[in-house]
PDB file of N, CA and C in Angstrom:
ATOM      1  N   UNK A   1     -77.066  61.619  17.231  1.00  0.00           N
ATOM      2  CA  UNK A   1     -78.668  62.648  18.010  1.00  0.00           C
ATOM      3  C   UNK A   1     -78.368  62.270  19.571  1.00  0.00           C
ATOM      4  N   UNK A   2     -78.205  63.441  20.079  1.00  0.00           N
ATOM      5  CA  UNK A   2     -78.062  62.737  21.688  1.00  0.00           C
ATOM      6  C   UNK A   2     -78.279  64.190  22.466  1.00  0.00           C
ATOM      7  N   UNK A   3     -79.223  64.041  23.657  1.00  0.00           N
ATOM      8  CA  UNK A   3     -79.826  65.084  24.451  1.00  0.00           C
ATOM      9  C   UNK A   3     -80.214  64.665  25.733  1.00  0.00           C
ATOM     10  N   UNK A   4     -79.164  65.252  26.664  1.00  0.00           N
ATOM     11  CA  UNK A   4     -79.181  64.887  27.757  1.00  0.00           C
ATOM     12  C   UNK A   4     -77.626  65.426  28.933  1.00  0.00           C
ATOM     13  N   UNK A   5     -77.813  64.243  29.922  1.00  0.00           N
ATOM     14  CA  UNK A   5     -76.502  65.273  30.550  1.00  0.00           C
ATOM     15  C   UNK A   5     -75.730  63.598  30.546  1.00  0.00           C
ATOM     16  N   UNK A   6     -74.699  64.220  31.151  1.00  0.00           N
ATOM     17  CA  UNK A   6     -72.798  64.264  30.992  1.00  0.00           C
ATOM     18  C   UNK A   6     -72.825  63.482  32.085  1.00  0.00           C
ATOM     19  N   UNK A   7     -72.951  62.634  33.001  1.00  0.00           N
ATOM     20  CA  UNK A   7     -72.922  61.792  34.644  1.00  0.00           C
ATOM     21  C   UNK A   7     -71.045  62.063  34.893  1.00  0.00           C
ATOM     22  N   UNK A   8     -70.517  61.806  34.150  1.00  0.00           N
ATOM     23  CA  UNK A   8     -69.075  61.975  34.983  1.00  0.00           C
ATOM     24  C   UNK A   8     -68.603  63.412  34.837  1.00  0.00           C
ATOM     25  N   UNK A   9     -69.763  63.476  34.264  1.00  0.00           N
ATOM     26  CA  UNK A   9     -68.529  66.133  34.338  1.00  0.00           C
ATOM     27  C   UNK A   9     -69.396  66.491  35.809  1.00  0.00           C
ATOM     28  N   UNK A  10     -68.768  67.550  36.138  1.00  0.00           N
ATOM     29  CA  UNK A  10     -68.941  68.210  37.380  1.00  0.00           C
ATOM     30  C   UNK A  10     -70.209  69.257  36.559  1.00  0.00           C
ATOM     31  N   UNK A  11     -70.979  69.416  37.701  1.00  0.00           N
ATOM     32  CA  UNK A  11     -72.268  69.762  37.935  1.00  0.00           C
ATOM     33  C   UNK A  11     -73.674  69.406  36.588  1.00  0.00           C
ATOM     34  N   UNK A  12     -73.624  68.281  36.274  1.00  0.00           N
ATOM     35  CA  UNK A  12     -74.158  67.531  35.180  1.00  0.00           C
ATOM     36  C   UNK A  12     -74.606  68.787  34.291  1.00  0.00           C
ATOM     37  N   UNK A  13     -73.787  69.074  33.547  1.00  0.00           N
ATOM     38  CA  UNK A  13     -74.080  70.162  32.614  1.00  0.00           C
ATOM     39  C   UNK A  13     -75.324  68.829  31.215  1.00  0.00           C
ATOM     40  N   UNK A  14     -75.811  70.304  30.360  1.00  0.00           N
ATOM     41  CA  UNK A  14     -77.132  69.390  30.032  1.00  0.00           C
ATOM     42  C   UNK A  14     -76.252  69.503  28.411  1.00  0.00           C
ATOM     43  N   UNK A  15     -76.449  68.212  27.894  1.00  0.00           N
ATOM     44  CA  UNK A  15     -75.798  68.820  26.605  1.00  0.00           C
ATOM     45  C   UNK A  15     -77.202  68.183  25.000  1.00  0.00           C
ATOM     46  N   UNK A  16     -76.107  69.036  24.500  1.00  0.00           N
ATOM     47  CA  UNK A  16     -77.198  68.405  23.142  1.00  0.00           C
ATOM     48  C   UNK A  16     -76.119  68.308  22.332  1.00  0.00           C
ATOM     49  N   UNK A  17     -76.098  67.218  21.083  1.00  0.00           N
ATOM     50  CA  UNK A  17     -74.930  67.298  20.173  1.00  0.00           C
ATOM     51  C   UNK A  17     -76.163  66.327  18.627  1.00  0.00           C
ATOM     52  N   UNK A  18     -76.045  67.233  17.273  1.00  0.00           N
ATOM     53  CA  UNK A  18     -76.444  67.099  16.041  1.00  0.00           C
ATOM     54  C   UNK A  18     -75.735  66.801  15.252  1.00  0.00           C
ATOM     55  N   UNK A  19     -74.888  65.542  15.063  1.00  0.00           N
ATOM     56  CA  UNK A  19     -73.350  64.955  14.648  1.00  0.00           C
ATOM     57  C   UNK A  19     -74.296  64.289  13.180  1.00  0.00           C
ATOM     58  N   UNK A  20     -73.556  64.404  11.851  1.00  0.00           N
ATOM     59  CA  UNK A  20     -74.034  63.180  10.818  1.00  0.00           C
ATOM     60  C   UNK A  20     -72.807  63.216   9.865  1.00  0.00           C
ATOM     61  N   UNK A  21     -72.588  61.922   9.791  1.00  0.00           N
ATOM     62  CA  UNK A  21     -71.449  62.374   8.680  1.00  0.00           C
ATOM     63  C   UNK A  21     -71.518  61.285   7.907  1.00  0.00           C
ATOM     64  N   UNK A  22     -71.395  61.374   6.067  1.00  0.00           N
ATOM     65  CA  UNK A  22     -71.660  61.058   5.219  1.00  0.00           C
ATOM     66  C   UNK A  22     -70.108  60.999   4.689  1.00  0.00           C
ATOM     67  N   UNK A  23     -70.140  59.708   4.231  1.00  0.00           N
ATOM     68  CA  UNK A  23     -69.077  59.252   3.254  1.00  0.00           C
ATOM     69  C   UNK A  23     -69.324  58.072   2.150  1.00  0.00           C
ATOM     70  N   UNK A  24     -67.726  58.456   1.646  1.00  0.00           N
ATOM     71  CA  UNK A  24     -67.964  57.239   0.482  1.00  0.00           C
ATOM     72  C   UNK A  24     -66.030  57.222   0.175  1.00  0.00           C
ATOM     73  N   UNK A  25     -66.417  55.714  -0.644  1.00  0.00           N
ATOM     74  CA  UNK A  25     -64.823  54.802   0.102  1.00  0.00           C
ATOM     75  C   UNK A  25     -65.231  53.954  -1.030  1.00  0.00           C
ATOM     76  N   UNK A  26     -63.969  54.347  -2.230  1.00  0.00           N
ATOM     77  CA  UNK A  26     -63.386  53.662  -3.308  1.00  0.00           C
ATOM     78  C   UNK A  26     -62.339  52.982  -3.029  1.00  0.00           C
ATOM     79  N   UNK A  27     -62.514  51.632  -4.035  1.00  0.00           N
ATOM     80  CA  UNK A  27     -61.435  50.921  -3.963  1.00  0.00           C
ATOM     81  C   UNK A  27     -61.057  50.337  -5.348  1.00  0.00           C
ATOM     82  N   UNK A  28     -60.775  51.407  -6.099  1.00  0.00           N
ATOM     83  CA  UNK A  28     -59.920  50.745  -7.432  1.00  0.00           C
ATOM     84  C   UNK A  28     -59.983  49.225  -8.170  1.00  0.00           C
ATOM     85  N   UNK A  29     -58.498  48.986  -6.665  1.00  0.00           N
ATOM     86  CA  UNK A  29     -58.021  47.459  -6.512  1.00  0.00           C
ATOM     87  C   UNK A  29     -57.333  46.929  -5.447  1.00  0.00           C
ATOM     88  N   UNK A  30     -57.205  45.847  -5.117  1.00  0.00           N
ATOM     89  CA  UNK A  30     -57.194  45.373  -3.219  1.00  0.00           C
ATOM     90  C   UNK A  30     -55.967  46.552  -2.324  1.00  0.00           C
ATOM     91  N   UNK A  31     -55.074  47.445  -3.258  1.00  0.00           N
ATOM     92  CA  UNK A  31     -53.473  47.449  -2.605  1.00  0.00           C
ATOM     93  C   UNK A  31     -54.073  49.505  -2.514  1.00  0.00           C
ATOM     94  N   UNK A  32     -55.017  49.733  -3.162  1.00  0.00           N
ATOM     95  CA  UNK A  32     -55.311  50.931  -3.330  1.00  0.00           C
ATOM     96  C   UNK A  32     -56.680  51.796  -2.758  1.00  0.00           C
ATOM     97  N   UNK A  33     -56.849  52.437  -1.986  1.00  0.00           N
ATOM     98  CA  UNK A  33     -58.007  52.845  -1.592  1.00  0.00           C
ATOM     99  C   UNK A  33     -58.589  53.973  -1.319  1.00  0.00           C
ATOM    100  N   UNK A  34     -59.539  54.983  -1.884  1.00  0.00           N
ATOM    101  CA  UNK A  34     -60.002  56.307  -1.490  1.00  0.00           C
ATOM    102  C   UNK A  34     -61.079  56.629  -0.452  1.00  0.00           C
ATOM    103  N   UNK A  35     -60.844  57.582   0.290  1.00  0.00           N
ATOM    104  CA  UNK A  35     -61.844  57.599   1.194  1.00  0.00           C
ATOM    105  C   UNK A  35     -62.146  59.003   1.424  1.00  0.00           C
ATOM    106  N   UNK A  36     -63.490  59.982   1.186  1.00  0.00           N
ATOM    107  CA  UNK A  36     -64.184  61.091   1.847  1.00  0.00           C
ATOM    108  C   UNK A  36     -65.203  61.154   2.640  1.00  0.00           C
ATOM    109  N   UNK A  37     -64.815  61.724   3.669  1.00  0.00           N
ATOM    110  CA  UNK A  37     -65.596  62.285   4.911  1.00  0.00           C
ATOM    111  C   UNK A  37     -66.662  63.405   4.729  1.00  0.00           C
ATOM    112  N   UNK A  38     -67.250  63.659   5.213  1.00  0.00           N
ATOM    113  CA  UNK A  38     -68.161  65.000   5.575  1.00  0.00           C
ATOM    114  C   UNK A  38     -68.853  64.908   6.303  1.00  0.00           C
ATOM    115  N   UNK A  39     -68.549  65.949   7.212  1.00  0.00           N
ATOM    116  CA  UNK A  39     -69.597  66.069   8.644  1.00  0.00           C
ATOM    117  C   UNK A  39     -69.414  67.012   8.971  1.00  0.00           C
ATOM    118  N   UNK A  40     -71.091  67.843   9.111  1.00  0.00           N
ATOM    119  CA  UNK A  40     -71.382  68.918   9.743  1.00  0.00           C
ATOM    120  C   UNK A  40     -72.120  68.540  11.252  1.00  0.00           C
ATOM    121  N   UNK A  41     -71.514  69.129  12.101  1.00  0.00           N
ATOM    122  CA  UNK A  41     -72.037  69.056  13.220  1.00  0.00           C
ATOM    123  C   UNK A  41     -72.266  70.228  14.223  1.00  0.00           C
ATOM    124  N   UNK A  42     -73.042  70.308  15.260  1.00  0.00           N
ATOM    125  CA  UNK A  42     -74.017  71.084  16.119  1.00  0.00           C
ATOM    126  C   UNK A  42     -73.947  70.563  17.434  1.00  0.00           C
ATOM    127  N   UNK A  43     -73.532  71.158  18.335  1.00  0.00           N
ATOM    128  CA  UNK A  43     -73.538  70.832  20.029  1.00  0.00           C
ATOM    129  C   UNK A  43     -72.898  72.191  20.830  1.00  0.00           C
ATOM    130  N   UNK A  44     -74.245  71.551  21.489  1.00  0.00           N
ATOM    131  CA  UNK A  44     -74.940  72.391  22.945  1.00  0.00           C
ATOM    132  C   UNK A  44     -74.501  72.339  24.269  1.00  0.00           C
ATOM    133  N   UNK A  45     -73.972  73.087  25.119  1.00  0.00           N
ATOM    134  CA  UNK A  45     -74.000  72.009  26.290  1.00  0.00           C
ATOM    135  C   UNK A  45     -74.264  73.869  26.930  1.00  0.00           C
ATOM    136  N   UNK A  46     -74.302  73.262  28.590  1.00  0.00           N
ATOM    137  CA  UNK A  46     -75.158  74.448  29.517  1.00  0.00           C
ATOM    138  C   UNK A  46     -75.323  73.583  30.952  1.00  0.00           C
ATOM    139  N   UNK A  47     -74.927  74.229  31.920  1.00  0.00           N
ATOM    140  CA  UNK A  47     -74.591  74.470  33.009  1.00  0.00           C
ATOM    141  C   UNK A  47     -75.532  75.067  34.277  1.00  0.00           C
ATOM    142  N   UNK A  48     -74.838  74.902  35.561  1.00  0.00           N
ATOM    143  CA  UNK A  48     -76.068  75.851  36.026  1.00  0.00           C
ATOM    144  C   UNK A  48     -75.832  77.118  36.512  1.00  0.00           C
ATOM    145  N   UNK A  49     -74.650  77.802  35.839  1.00  0.00           N
ATOM    146  CA  UNK A  49     -74.279  79.688  36.035  1.00  0.00           C
ATOM    147  C   UNK A  49     -74.560  79.633  33.952  1.00  0.00           C
ATOM    148  N   UNK A  50     -75.043  80.519  33.947  1.00  0.00           N
ATOM    149  CA  UNK A  50     -75.546  80.723  33.053  1.00  0.00           C
ATOM    150  C   UNK A  50     -74.820  81.260  31.653  1.00  0.00           C
ATOM    151  N   UNK A  51     -74.046  80.643  31.066  1.00  0.00           N
ATOM    152  CA  UNK A  51     -73.212  81.116  30.531  1.00  0.00           C
ATOM    153  C   UNK A  51     -74.173  79.730  29.551  1.00  0.00           C
ATOM    154  N   UNK A  52     -73.882  79.823  28.417  1.00  0.00           N
ATOM    155  CA  UNK A  52     -74.794  78.298  27.037  1.00  0.00           C
ATOM    156  C   UNK A  52     -73.755  78.337  26.145  1.00  0.00           C
ATOM    157  N   UNK A  53     -73.180  77.549  25.509  1.00  0.00           N
ATOM    158  CA  UNK A  53     -72.067  77.136  24.914  1.00  0.00           C
ATOM    159  C   UNK A  53     -72.741  76.472  23.099  1.00  0.00           C
ATOM    160  N   UNK A  54     -72.335  77.143  22.412  1.00  0.00           N
ATOM    161  CA  UNK A  54     -72.775  76.924  21.218  1.00  0.00           C
ATOM    162  C   UNK A  54     -71.732  75.853  20.109  1.00  0.00           C
ATOM    163  N   UNK A  55     -71.577  75.285  20.151  1.00  0.00           N
ATOM    164  CA  UNK A  55     -70.095  74.604  18.410  1.00  0.00           C
ATOM    165  C   UNK A  55     -71.312  74.506  17.551  1.00  0.00           C
ATOM    166  N   UNK A  56     -70.735  75.128  16.901  1.00  0.00           N
ATOM    167  CA  UNK A  56     -71.030  74.560  15.081  1.00  0.00           C
ATOM    168  C   UNK A  56     -69.096  74.196  14.591  1.00  0.00           C
ATOM    169  N   UNK A  57     -69.198  73.631  13.331  1.00  0.00           N
ATOM    170  CA  UNK A  57     -68.032  73.500  12.466  1.00  0.00           C
ATOM    171  C   UNK A  57     -68.463  72.492  11.921  1.00  0.00           C
ATOM    172  N   UNK A  58     -67.330  71.728  10.669  1.00  0.00           N
ATOM    173  CA  UNK A  58     -67.961  71.634   9.376  1.00  0.00           C
ATOM    174  C   UNK A  58     -66.198  70.338   8.993  1.00  0.00           C
ATOM    175  N   UNK A  59     -66.337  69.616   8.729  1.00  0.00           N
ATOM    176  CA  UNK A  59     -64.424  68.787   8.342  1.00  0.00           C
ATOM    177  C   UNK A  59     -64.770  68.383   7.295  1.00  0.00           C
ATOM    178  N   UNK A  60     -64.134  68.442   6.321  1.00  0.00           N
ATOM    179  CA  UNK A  60     -63.976  67.515   5.113  1.00  0.00           C
ATOM    180  C   UNK A  60     -62.622  67.064   4.922  1.00  0.00           C
ATOM    181  N   UNK A  61     -62.744  65.867   4.931  1.00  0.00           N
ATOM    182  CA  UNK A  61     -61.843  64.657   5.045  1.00  0.00           C
ATOM    183  C   UNK A  61     -61.609  63.921   4.028  1.00  0.00           C
ATOM    184  N   UNK A  62     -60.290  63.698   3.414  1.00  0.00           N
ATOM    185  CA  UNK A  62     -60.251  63.021   2.477  1.00  0.00           C
ATOM    186  C   UNK A  62     -58.813  62.123   2.577  1.00  0.00           C
ATOM    187  N   UNK A  63     -58.284  61.003   1.888  1.00  0.00           N
ATOM    188  CA  UNK A  63     -57.340  60.175   3.024  1.00  0.00           C
ATOM    189  C   UNK A  63     -57.643  59.123   1.619  1.00  0.00           C
ATOM    190  N   UNK A  64     -56.184  58.976   1.012  1.00  0.00           N
ATOM    191  CA  UNK A  64     -56.006  57.761   0.319  1.00  0.00           C
ATOM    192  C   UNK A  64     -54.457  56.883   1.548  1.00  0.00           C
ATOM    193  N   UNK A  65     -54.995  55.677   0.977  1.00  0.00           N
ATOM    194  CA  UNK A  65     -54.345  54.954   1.299  1.00  0.00           C
ATOM    195  C   UNK A  65     -53.370  53.383   0.212  1.00  0.00           C
ATOM    196  N   UNK A  66     -52.721  53.363   0.525  1.00  0.00           N
ATOM    197  CA  UNK A  66     -52.060  51.706   0.030  1.00  0.00           C
ATOM    198  C   UNK A  66     -51.181  51.269   0.991  1.00  0.00           C
ATOM    199  N   UNK A  67     -51.938  50.252   0.321  1.00  0.00           N
ATOM    200  CA  UNK A  67     -52.433  49.051   1.217  1.00  0.00           C
ATOM    201  C   UNK A  67     -50.787  47.920   1.031  1.00  0.00           C
ATOM    202  N   UNK A  68     -49.615  47.555   1.386  1.00  0.00           N
ATOM    203  CA  UNK A  68     -48.659  46.480   1.170  1.00  0.00           C
ATOM    204  C   UNK A  68     -48.367  45.493   1.579  1.00  0.00           C
TER     205      UNK A  68
END
């Protein structure tokens, strides 16, 4: 969670970020692993103009990895 400005951006925009990540990793043996991650996000930023930007999204990531 973040609420504030970003110093390096023009006009010092105001940001609000609400991100959460949930994940599970399963490794049945040392050479194979399976990862699942769920990410719901809600971000807002605004600057001196009356524009207000809202970004909402969800992400499901599944990864299978074989180590040799």
